[in-house]
Amino acid sequence: MKERYFYSIGSGSSGNSGFYVCGETVILIDLGVSVRRITAALRRYGFEISDLAGVLVTHEHHDHIKGLATFARRHKAPIYASRGAAEAMIRKVPAAEGLLRPFWGGETFSVGGLQVESFLTPHDSPESVGYVIRGDGKSFGYATDLGFMPSAVRAKLTGCDAVVLESNHDLTMLENGPYPYILKQRVAGPRGHLSNVDCAACAMELVKTGTKTLILAHLSGENNTPEIARQETENALSSLGGCTVVVAPRDEMEEPVWLSEAGQCSLFA
């Protein structure tokens, strides 16, 4: 069985990026932090950016492609993005065009010997996507920046042994928080971000179909806390058991989420 783990470099509106390792294959997901931070994180676990099999971009919002311009100037790893996202990225960073490997949302392709299945997500960005990465008999799902949880997205994540899932905001904190009304409407709307309640409801369905590790991600710094997000999901799963819940911090994780045969990993917030 190949060594498998996920490490979050940043998660939230200030920047999103992390990498998934399966054996010798390393895939970076999103470029929403500086290349310096990405380089340092990879080196901590014995990798260089040149070791990346590829980069998967979910969409072209700044908190997911902040490091793109520097990456495009200095590195040669292929960057996979939906055609809608790729077109928007080229307008923002023309130098990225040579690295981009566009695909239609919903396509499946290979990266470093692993099968990557994309799926469309409801977000206010051109052709926003999530991913399921399959290899060595295991599957790893990644779904953030979701205004709601469509049945089609839930179906794609079903059966994944590990899933990174958005748990962006607490509804009461959002309602009573500092955001202007129009921004509150955007966050809570059908093309905004997934609430703790909706995340927990999806988590229940995923655990029933075999998910052993859930990594809660993209938490709002103003309308959520790691404790509230984790408690919401753990309460929903209390009668099911068999799943470890991890919260991805806004900054780097203290250690990776190790995905063993039993799906066990360290728990931290």
C-alpha atoms as a PDB file:
ATOM      1  CA  MET A   1       0.000   0.000   0.000  1.00  0.00           C
ATOM      2  CA  LYS A   2       1.439   3.361  -1.048  1.00  0.00           C
ATOM      3  CA  GLU A   3       1.973   6.144   1.471  1.00  0.00           C
ATOM      4  CA  ARG A   4      -0.864   8.645   1.188  1.00  0.00           C
ATOM      5  CA  TYR A   5      -1.404  11.979   2.851  1.00  0.00           C
ATOM      6  CA  PHE A   6      -2.798  15.471   2.400  1.00  0.00           C
ATOM      7  CA  TYR A   7      -1.172  18.654   3.647  1.00  0.00           C
ATOM      8  CA  SER A   8      -2.935  22.034   3.695  1.00  0.00           C
ATOM      9  CA  ILE A   9      -0.675  25.060   3.198  1.00  0.00           C
ATOM     10  CA  GLY A  10      -3.523  27.549   3.512  1.00  0.00           C
ATOM     11  CA  SER A  11      -7.304  27.382   3.725  1.00  0.00           C
ATOM     12  CA  GLY A  12      -9.773  30.265   3.715  1.00  0.00           C
ATOM     13  CA  SER A  13     -10.348  33.623   2.064  1.00  0.00           C
ATOM     14  CA  SER A  14      -6.737  34.656   2.699  1.00  0.00           C
ATOM     15  CA  GLY A  15      -5.438  31.871   0.450  1.00  0.00           C
ATOM     16  CA  ASN A  16      -5.991  28.232  -0.486  1.00  0.00           C
ATOM     17  CA  SER A  17      -3.415  25.612  -1.406  1.00  0.00           C
ATOM     18  CA  GLY A  18      -2.472  22.072  -0.405  1.00  0.00           C
ATOM     19  CA  PHE A  19      -0.890  18.956  -1.797  1.00  0.00           C
ATOM     20  CA  TYR A  20      -1.931  15.327  -2.043  1.00  0.00           C
ATOM     21  CA  VAL A  21       0.714  12.593  -2.045  1.00  0.00           C
ATOM     22  CA  CYS A  22       0.110   9.037  -3.222  1.00  0.00           C
ATOM     23  CA  GLY A  23       3.330   7.060  -3.380  1.00  0.00           C
ATOM     24  CA  GLU A  24       5.746   9.010  -5.566  1.00  0.00           C
ATOM     25  CA  THR A  25       3.052  11.218  -7.090  1.00  0.00           C
ATOM     26  CA  VAL A  26       2.571  14.717  -5.680  1.00  0.00           C
ATOM     27  CA  ILE A  27      -0.332  16.885  -6.859  1.00  0.00           C
ATOM     28  CA  LEU A  28      -0.768  20.486  -5.753  1.00  0.00           C
ATOM     29  CA  ILE A  29      -4.344  21.753  -5.427  1.00  0.00           C
ATOM     30  CA  ASP A  30      -4.750  25.503  -5.979  1.00  0.00           C
ATOM     31  CA  LEU A  31      -2.142  28.274  -5.980  1.00  0.00           C
ATOM     32  CA  GLY A  32      -3.720  30.695  -3.544  1.00  0.00           C
ATOM     33  CA  VAL A  33      -0.590  31.331  -1.449  1.00  0.00           C
ATOM     34  CA  SER A  34       2.882  32.522  -2.344  1.00  0.00           C
ATOM     35  CA  VAL A  35       5.272  30.258  -4.243  1.00  0.00           C
ATOM     36  CA  ARG A  36       7.699  30.776  -1.377  1.00  0.00           C
ATOM     37  CA  ARG A  37       5.220  29.188   1.058  1.00  0.00           C
ATOM     38  CA  ILE A  38       4.471  26.346  -1.353  1.00  0.00           C
ATOM     39  CA  THR A  39       8.175  25.661  -1.827  1.00  0.00           C
ATOM     40  CA  ALA A  40       8.835  25.631   1.921  1.00  0.00           C
ATOM     41  CA  ALA A  41       5.919  23.290   2.604  1.00  0.00           C
ATOM     42  CA  LEU A  42       6.964  20.821  -0.084  1.00  0.00           C
ATOM     43  CA  ARG A  43      10.579  20.827   1.116  1.00  0.00           C
ATOM     44  CA  ARG A  44       9.449  20.017   4.634  1.00  0.00           C
ATOM     45  CA  TYR A  45       8.324  16.650   3.277  1.00  0.00           C
ATOM     46  CA  GLY A  46      11.202  16.056   0.920  1.00  0.00           C
ATOM     47  CA  PHE A  47       9.819  17.491  -2.330  1.00  0.00           C
ATOM     48  CA  GLU A  48      10.589  20.329  -4.707  1.00  0.00           C
ATOM     49  CA  ILE A  49       8.149  22.087  -7.021  1.00  0.00           C
ATOM     50  CA  SER A  50       9.895  20.248  -9.851  1.00  0.00           C
ATOM     51  CA  ASP A  51       8.588  17.014  -8.331  1.00  0.00           C
ATOM     52  CA  LEU A  52       4.959  18.035  -8.866  1.00  0.00           C
ATOM     53  CA  ALA A  53       3.083  15.853 -11.333  1.00  0.00           C
ATOM     54  CA  GLY A  54       0.718  18.764 -11.818  1.00  0.00           C
ATOM     55  CA  VAL A  55      -1.367  21.512 -10.268  1.00  0.00           C
ATOM     56  CA  LEU A  56      -5.164  21.292 -10.083  1.00  0.00           C
ATOM     57  CA  VAL A  57      -6.945  24.651  -9.942  1.00  0.00           C
ATOM     58  CA  THR A  58     -10.543  24.759  -8.729  1.00  0.00           C
ATOM     59  CA  HIS A  59     -11.346  28.256 -10.066  1.00  0.00           C
ATOM     60  CA  GLU A  60      -9.797  31.633 -10.813  1.00  0.00           C
ATOM     61  CA  HIS A  61     -10.657  33.689  -7.723  1.00  0.00           C
ATOM     62  CA  HIS A  62      -7.625  35.443  -6.234  1.00  0.00           C
ATOM     63  CA  ASP A  63      -7.543  33.333  -3.074  1.00  0.00           C
ATOM     64  CA  HIS A  64      -6.987  30.270  -5.290  1.00  0.00           C
ATOM     65  CA  ILE A  65      -4.471  31.632  -7.838  1.00  0.00           C
ATOM     66  CA  LYS A  66      -2.564  34.290  -5.864  1.00  0.00           C
ATOM     67  CA  GLY A  67       0.769  32.599  -6.604  1.00  0.00           C
ATOM     68  CA  LEU A  68       0.064  31.962 -10.298  1.00  0.00           C
ATOM     69  CA  ALA A  69       2.126  34.813 -11.783  1.00  0.00           C
ATOM     70  CA  THR A  70       5.283  33.861  -9.895  1.00  0.00           C
ATOM     71  CA  PHE A  71       4.714  30.158 -10.516  1.00  0.00           C
ATOM     72  CA  ALA A  72       4.318  30.726 -14.255  1.00  0.00           C
ATOM     73  CA  ARG A  73       7.577  32.692 -14.434  1.00  0.00           C
ATOM     74  CA  ARG A  74       9.695  30.219 -12.483  1.00  0.00           C
ATOM     75  CA  HIS A  75       8.309  26.716 -12.934  1.00  0.00           C
ATOM     76  CA  LYS A  76       7.179  24.261 -15.592  1.00  0.00           C
ATOM     77  CA  ALA A  77       4.697  21.962 -13.861  1.00  0.00           C
ATOM     78  CA  PRO A  78       1.459  21.637 -15.873  1.00  0.00           C
ATOM     79  CA  ILE A  79      -1.550  23.462 -14.471  1.00  0.00           C
ATOM     80  CA  TYR A  80      -4.940  21.824 -15.002  1.00  0.00           C
ATOM     81  CA  ALA A  81      -8.007  24.068 -14.991  1.00  0.00           C
ATOM     82  CA  SER A  82     -11.441  24.024 -16.577  1.00  0.00           C
ATOM     83  CA  ARG A  83     -11.713  25.904 -19.856  1.00  0.00           C
ATOM     84  CA  GLY A  84     -13.736  28.655 -18.226  1.00  0.00           C
ATOM     85  CA  ALA A  85     -11.238  29.085 -15.421  1.00  0.00           C
ATOM     86  CA  ALA A  86      -8.264  28.827 -17.778  1.00  0.00           C
ATOM     87  CA  GLU A  87      -9.553  31.627 -19.999  1.00  0.00           C
ATOM     88  CA  ALA A  88     -10.017  33.886 -16.977  1.00  0.00           C
ATOM     89  CA  MET A  89      -6.556  32.955 -15.647  1.00  0.00           C
ATOM     90  CA  ILE A  90      -4.883  33.823 -18.965  1.00  0.00           C
ATOM     91  CA  ARG A  91      -6.561  37.242 -18.942  1.00  0.00           C
ATOM     92  CA  LYS A  92      -5.126  37.861 -15.485  1.00  0.00           C
ATOM     93  CA  VAL A  93      -1.718  36.192 -16.032  1.00  0.00           C
ATOM     94  CA  PRO A  94      -0.918  35.836 -19.755  1.00  0.00           C
ATOM     95  CA  ALA A  95       2.392  34.083 -18.962  1.00  0.00           C
ATOM     96  CA  ALA A  96       0.443  31.117 -17.578  1.00  0.00           C
ATOM     97  CA  GLU A  97      -0.956  30.106 -20.963  1.00  0.00           C
ATOM     98  CA  GLY A  98       1.969  27.811 -21.829  1.00  0.00           C
ATOM     99  CA  LEU A  99       1.537  25.813 -18.615  1.00  0.00           C
ATOM    100  CA  LEU A 100      -2.233  25.479 -18.713  1.00  0.00           C
ATOM    101  CA  ARG A 101      -3.880  22.175 -19.650  1.00  0.00           C
ATOM    102  CA  PRO A 102      -7.565  23.145 -20.071  1.00  0.00           C
ATOM    103  CA  PHE A 103     -10.373  20.601 -19.784  1.00  0.00           C
ATOM    104  CA  TRP A 104     -14.160  20.683 -19.851  1.00  0.00           C
ATOM    105  CA  GLY A 105     -15.759  20.544 -16.409  1.00  0.00           C
ATOM    106  CA  GLY A 106     -16.710  16.909 -15.837  1.00  0.00           C
ATOM    107  CA  GLU A 107     -13.771  15.455 -17.790  1.00  0.00           C
ATOM    108  CA  THR A 108     -11.499  12.736 -16.395  1.00  0.00           C
ATOM    109  CA  PHE A 109      -7.776  12.791 -17.116  1.00  0.00           C
ATOM    110  CA  SER A 110      -4.492  11.373 -15.814  1.00  0.00           C
ATOM    111  CA  VAL A 111      -1.912  13.220 -13.707  1.00  0.00           C
ATOM    112  CA  GLY A 112       1.247  11.379 -12.742  1.00  0.00           C
ATOM    113  CA  GLY A 113      -0.413   8.003 -13.115  1.00  0.00           C
ATOM    114  CA  LEU A 114      -3.389   8.966 -10.949  1.00  0.00           C
ATOM    115  CA  GLN A 115      -6.885   9.338 -12.387  1.00  0.00           C
ATOM    116  CA  VAL A 116      -8.395  12.782 -11.818  1.00  0.00           C
ATOM    117  CA  GLU A 117     -12.135  13.201 -12.232  1.00  0.00           C
ATOM    118  CA  SER A 118     -13.402  16.785 -12.333  1.00  0.00           C
ATOM    119  CA  PHE A 119     -16.953  17.896 -11.536  1.00  0.00           C
ATOM    120  CA  LEU A 120     -18.720  21.237 -11.794  1.00  0.00           C
ATOM    121  CA  THR A 121     -19.453  23.137  -8.575  1.00  0.00           C
ATOM    122  CA  PRO A 122     -21.989  25.937  -7.918  1.00  0.00           C
ATOM    123  CA  HIS A 123     -19.868  29.057  -7.341  1.00  0.00           C
ATOM    124  CA  ASP A 124     -19.727  32.563  -8.785  1.00  0.00           C
ATOM    125  CA  SER A 125     -16.706  31.856 -10.954  1.00  0.00           C
ATOM    126  CA  PRO A 126     -16.467  30.604 -14.573  1.00  0.00           C
ATOM    127  CA  GLU A 127     -16.713  26.797 -14.676  1.00  0.00           C
ATOM    128  CA  SER A 128     -15.655  26.235 -11.046  1.00  0.00           C
ATOM    129  CA  VAL A 129     -14.803  22.595 -10.316  1.00  0.00           C
ATOM    130  CA  GLY A 130     -13.912  20.086  -7.635  1.00  0.00           C
ATOM    131  CA  TYR A 131     -11.936  16.866  -8.001  1.00  0.00           C
ATOM    132  CA  VAL A 132     -11.775  13.201  -7.133  1.00  0.00           C
ATOM    133  CA  ILE A 133      -8.273  11.710  -7.359  1.00  0.00           C
ATOM    134  CA  ARG A 134      -8.098   7.922  -7.701  1.00  0.00           C
ATOM    135  CA  GLY A 135      -5.127   5.597  -7.391  1.00  0.00           C
ATOM    136  CA  ASP A 136      -3.876   2.538  -5.526  1.00  0.00           C
ATOM    137  CA  GLY A 137      -7.456   1.462  -4.943  1.00  0.00           C
ATOM    138  CA  LYS A 138      -8.293   4.643  -3.004  1.00  0.00           C
ATOM    139  CA  SER A 139     -10.075   7.883  -3.801  1.00  0.00           C
ATOM    140  CA  PHE A 140      -9.592  11.406  -2.443  1.00  0.00           C
ATOM    141  CA  GLY A 141     -12.283  14.044  -2.927  1.00  0.00           C
ATOM    142  CA  TYR A 142     -11.868  17.811  -2.905  1.00  0.00           C
ATOM    143  CA  ALA A 143     -14.905  20.136  -2.878  1.00  0.00           C
ATOM    144  CA  THR A 144     -14.818  23.735  -1.641  1.00  0.00           C
ATOM    145  CA  ASP A 145     -16.456  27.003  -2.724  1.00  0.00           C
ATOM    146  CA  LEU A 146     -19.953  25.562  -3.027  1.00  0.00           C
ATOM    147  CA  GLY A 147     -23.070  27.681  -2.715  1.00  0.00           C
ATOM    148  CA  PHE A 148     -24.989  24.499  -1.909  1.00  0.00           C
ATOM    149  CA  MET A 149     -24.451  20.752  -2.163  1.00  0.00           C
ATOM    150  CA  PRO A 150     -25.983  19.481  -5.431  1.00  0.00           C
ATOM    151  CA  SER A 151     -26.880  15.822  -5.567  1.00  0.00           C
ATOM    152  CA  ALA A 152     -24.495  15.463  -8.532  1.00  0.00           C
ATOM    153  CA  VAL A 153     -21.533  16.696  -6.466  1.00  0.00           C
ATOM    154  CA  ARG A 154     -22.475  14.494  -3.531  1.00  0.00           C
ATOM    155  CA  ALA A 155     -22.646  11.540  -5.900  1.00  0.00           C
ATOM    156  CA  LYS A 156     -19.109  12.246  -7.135  1.00  0.00           C
ATOM    157  CA  LEU A 157     -17.790  12.312  -3.553  1.00  0.00           C
ATOM    158  CA  THR A 158     -19.674   9.184  -2.548  1.00  0.00           C
ATOM    159  CA  GLY A 159     -17.310   6.297  -1.912  1.00  0.00           C
ATOM    160  CA  CYS A 160     -14.203   8.454  -1.385  1.00  0.00           C
ATOM    161  CA  ASP A 161     -12.292   7.265   1.668  1.00  0.00           C
ATOM    162  CA  ALA A 162     -11.088  10.832   2.350  1.00  0.00           C
ATOM    163  CA  VAL A 163     -12.767  14.145   1.464  1.00  0.00           C
ATOM    164  CA  VAL A 164     -11.796  17.799   1.806  1.00  0.00           C
ATOM    165  CA  LEU A 165     -15.153  19.536   2.217  1.00  0.00           C
ATOM    166  CA  GLU A 166     -16.045  23.195   2.663  1.00  0.00           C
ATOM    167  CA  SER A 167     -17.484  24.259   6.023  1.00  0.00           C
ATOM    168  CA  ASN A 168     -17.362  28.001   5.463  1.00  0.00           C
ATOM    169  CA  HIS A 169     -19.722  29.712   7.836  1.00  0.00           C
ATOM    170  CA  ASP A 170     -22.007  29.445  10.829  1.00  0.00           C
ATOM    171  CA  LEU A 171     -25.386  30.801   9.766  1.00  0.00           C
ATOM    172  CA  THR A 172     -25.983  32.764  12.980  1.00  0.00           C
ATOM    173  CA  MET A 173     -22.487  34.276  12.963  1.00  0.00           C
ATOM    174  CA  LEU A 174     -22.927  35.291   9.323  1.00  0.00           C
ATOM    175  CA  GLU A 175     -26.317  36.865   9.989  1.00  0.00           C
ATOM    176  CA  ASN A 176     -25.049  38.840  12.993  1.00  0.00           C
ATOM    177  CA  GLY A 177     -21.534  39.442  11.704  1.00  0.00           C
ATOM    178  CA  PRO A 178     -19.756  42.491  10.233  1.00  0.00           C
ATOM    179  CA  TYR A 179     -20.309  41.797   6.523  1.00  0.00           C
ATOM    180  CA  PRO A 180     -22.482  44.254   4.574  1.00  0.00           C
ATOM    181  CA  TYR A 181     -25.874  42.876   3.580  1.00  0.00           C
ATOM    182  CA  ILE A 182     -24.963  42.301  -0.073  1.00  0.00           C
ATOM    183  CA  LEU A 183     -21.898  40.248   0.900  1.00  0.00           C
ATOM    184  CA  LYS A 184     -23.939  38.205   3.375  1.00  0.00           C
ATOM    185  CA  GLN A 185     -26.366  37.446   0.556  1.00  0.00           C
ATOM    186  CA  ARG A 186     -23.510  36.406  -1.713  1.00  0.00           C
ATOM    187  CA  VAL A 187     -21.901  34.086   0.866  1.00  0.00           C
ATOM    188  CA  ALA A 188     -25.187  32.399   1.799  1.00  0.00           C
ATOM    189  CA  GLY A 189     -26.488  32.312  -1.776  1.00  0.00           C
ATOM    190  CA  PRO A 190     -26.580  29.358  -4.182  1.00  0.00           C
ATOM    191  CA  ARG A 191     -23.273  30.400  -5.804  1.00  0.00           C
ATOM    192  CA  GLY A 192     -21.486  31.343  -2.597  1.00  0.00           C
ATOM    193  CA  HIS A 193     -20.107  29.120   0.146  1.00  0.00           C
ATOM    194  CA  LEU A 194     -21.224  26.011   2.033  1.00  0.00           C
ATOM    195  CA  SER A 195     -22.465  26.478   5.610  1.00  0.00           C
ATOM    196  CA  ASN A 196     -21.550  24.289   8.563  1.00  0.00           C
ATOM    197  CA  VAL A 197     -25.076  22.868   8.573  1.00  0.00           C
ATOM    198  CA  ASP A 198     -24.958  21.846   4.916  1.00  0.00           C
ATOM    199  CA  CYS A 199     -21.442  20.466   5.323  1.00  0.00           C
ATOM    200  CA  ALA A 200     -22.572  18.312   8.256  1.00  0.00           C
ATOM    201  CA  ALA A 201     -25.575  17.000   6.319  1.00  0.00           C
ATOM    202  CA  CYS A 202     -23.334  15.981   3.421  1.00  0.00           C
ATOM    203  CA  ALA A 203     -20.800  14.478   5.822  1.00  0.00           C
ATOM    204  CA  MET A 204     -23.472  12.120   7.159  1.00  0.00           C
ATOM    205  CA  GLU A 205     -24.227  10.800   3.681  1.00  0.00           C
ATOM    206  CA  LEU A 206     -20.542  10.375   2.841  1.00  0.00           C
ATOM    207  CA  VAL A 207     -19.716   8.495   6.023  1.00  0.00           C
ATOM    208  CA  LYS A 208     -22.612   6.128   5.382  1.00  0.00           C
ATOM    209  CA  THR A 209     -20.950   5.207   2.088  1.00  0.00           C
ATOM    210  CA  GLY A 210     -17.443   4.656   3.413  1.00  0.00           C
ATOM    211  CA  THR A 211     -15.694   7.987   3.998  1.00  0.00           C
ATOM    212  CA  LYS A 212     -13.223   7.557   6.865  1.00  0.00           C
ATOM    213  CA  THR A 213     -11.543  10.981   6.954  1.00  0.00           C
ATOM    214  CA  LEU A 214     -13.173  14.389   6.546  1.00  0.00           C
ATOM    215  CA  ILE A 215     -11.076  17.547   6.316  1.00  0.00           C
ATOM    216  CA  LEU A 216     -13.187  20.657   6.865  1.00  0.00           C
ATOM    217  CA  ALA A 217     -11.839  23.540   4.780  1.00  0.00           C
ATOM    218  CA  HIS A 218     -12.270  27.155   3.641  1.00  0.00           C
ATOM    219  CA  LEU A 219     -13.552  28.340   7.037  1.00  0.00           C
ATOM    220  CA  SER A 220     -14.472  32.021   7.239  1.00  0.00           C
ATOM    221  CA  GLY A 221     -12.309  34.034   9.613  1.00  0.00           C
ATOM    222  CA  GLU A 222     -15.224  36.324  10.504  1.00  0.00           C
ATOM    223  CA  ASN A 223     -18.254  33.999  10.423  1.00  0.00           C
ATOM    224  CA  ASN A 224     -16.935  30.718  11.807  1.00  0.00           C
ATOM    225  CA  THR A 225     -14.463  29.123  14.185  1.00  0.00           C
ATOM    226  CA  PRO A 226     -12.692  25.751  13.939  1.00  0.00           C
ATOM    227  CA  GLU A 227     -14.440  24.615  17.108  1.00  0.00           C
ATOM    228  CA  ILE A 228     -17.944  25.480  15.870  1.00  0.00           C
ATOM    229  CA  ALA A 229     -17.377  23.910  12.449  1.00  0.00           C
ATOM    230  CA  ARG A 230     -15.953  20.706  13.845  1.00  0.00           C
ATOM    231  CA  GLN A 231     -18.660  20.400  16.506  1.00  0.00           C
ATOM    232  CA  GLU A 232     -21.429  20.763  13.912  1.00  0.00           C
ATOM    233  CA  THR A 233     -20.063  17.897  11.828  1.00  0.00           C
ATOM    234  CA  GLU A 234     -19.093  15.704  14.774  1.00  0.00           C
ATOM    235  CA  ASN A 235     -22.585  16.087  16.264  1.00  0.00           C
ATOM    236  CA  ALA A 236     -24.096  14.974  12.969  1.00  0.00           C
ATOM    237  CA  LEU A 237     -21.797  11.951  12.872  1.00  0.00           C
ATOM    238  CA  SER A 238     -22.141  11.011  16.547  1.00  0.00           C
ATOM    239  CA  SER A 239     -24.418   8.058  15.879  1.00  0.00           C
ATOM    240  CA  LEU A 240     -22.360   6.758  12.958  1.00  0.00           C
ATOM    241  CA  GLY A 241     -18.742   6.611  14.172  1.00  0.00           C
ATOM    242  CA  GLY A 242     -15.825   5.399  12.146  1.00  0.00           C
ATOM    243  CA  CYS A 243     -14.783   8.797  10.750  1.00  0.00           C
ATOM    244  CA  THR A 244     -12.048  11.197  11.809  1.00  0.00           C
ATOM    245  CA  VAL A 245     -12.848  14.901  11.440  1.00  0.00           C
ATOM    246  CA  VAL A 246      -9.986  17.342  10.868  1.00  0.00           C
ATOM    247  CA  VAL A 247     -10.156  21.115  10.469  1.00  0.00           C
ATOM    248  CA  ALA A 248      -7.741  22.690   7.999  1.00  0.00           C
ATOM    249  CA  PRO A 249      -6.340  25.847   9.640  1.00  0.00           C
ATOM    250  CA  ARG A 250      -6.111  29.155   7.824  1.00  0.00           C
ATOM    251  CA  ASP A 251      -2.334  28.788   7.810  1.00  0.00           C
ATOM    252  CA  GLU A 252      -0.252  25.634   7.465  1.00  0.00           C
ATOM    253  CA  MET A 253      -1.115  22.377   9.190  1.00  0.00           C
ATOM    254  CA  GLU A 254       1.189  21.252  11.977  1.00  0.00           C
ATOM    255  CA  GLU A 255       1.456  17.871  10.293  1.00  0.00           C
ATOM    256  CA  PRO A 256      -0.131  16.125   7.304  1.00  0.00           C
ATOM    257  CA  VAL A 257      -3.360  14.191   7.421  1.00  0.00           C
ATOM    258  CA  TRP A 258      -2.033  10.654   7.038  1.00  0.00           C
ATOM    259  CA  LEU A 259      -4.470   8.409   5.192  1.00  0.00           C
ATOM    260  CA  SER A 260      -3.763   4.881   6.315  1.00  0.00           C
ATOM    261  CA  GLU A 261      -5.606   1.721   5.384  1.00  0.00           C
ATOM    262  CA  ALA A 262      -8.014   2.321   8.246  1.00  0.00           C
ATOM    263  CA  GLY A 263      -8.350   6.006   7.399  1.00  0.00           C
ATOM    264  CA  GLN A 264      -6.873   7.090  10.704  1.00  0.00           C
ATOM    265  CA  CYS A 265      -5.094  10.386  11.146  1.00  0.00           C
ATOM    266  CA  SER A 266      -4.183  12.954  13.757  1.00  0.00           C
ATOM    267  CA  LEU A 267      -6.993  15.230  14.917  1.00  0.00           C
ATOM    268  CA  PHE A 268      -6.330  18.927  15.264  1.00  0.00           C
ATOM    269  CA  ALA A 269      -8.128  22.215  14.769  1.00  0.00           C
END
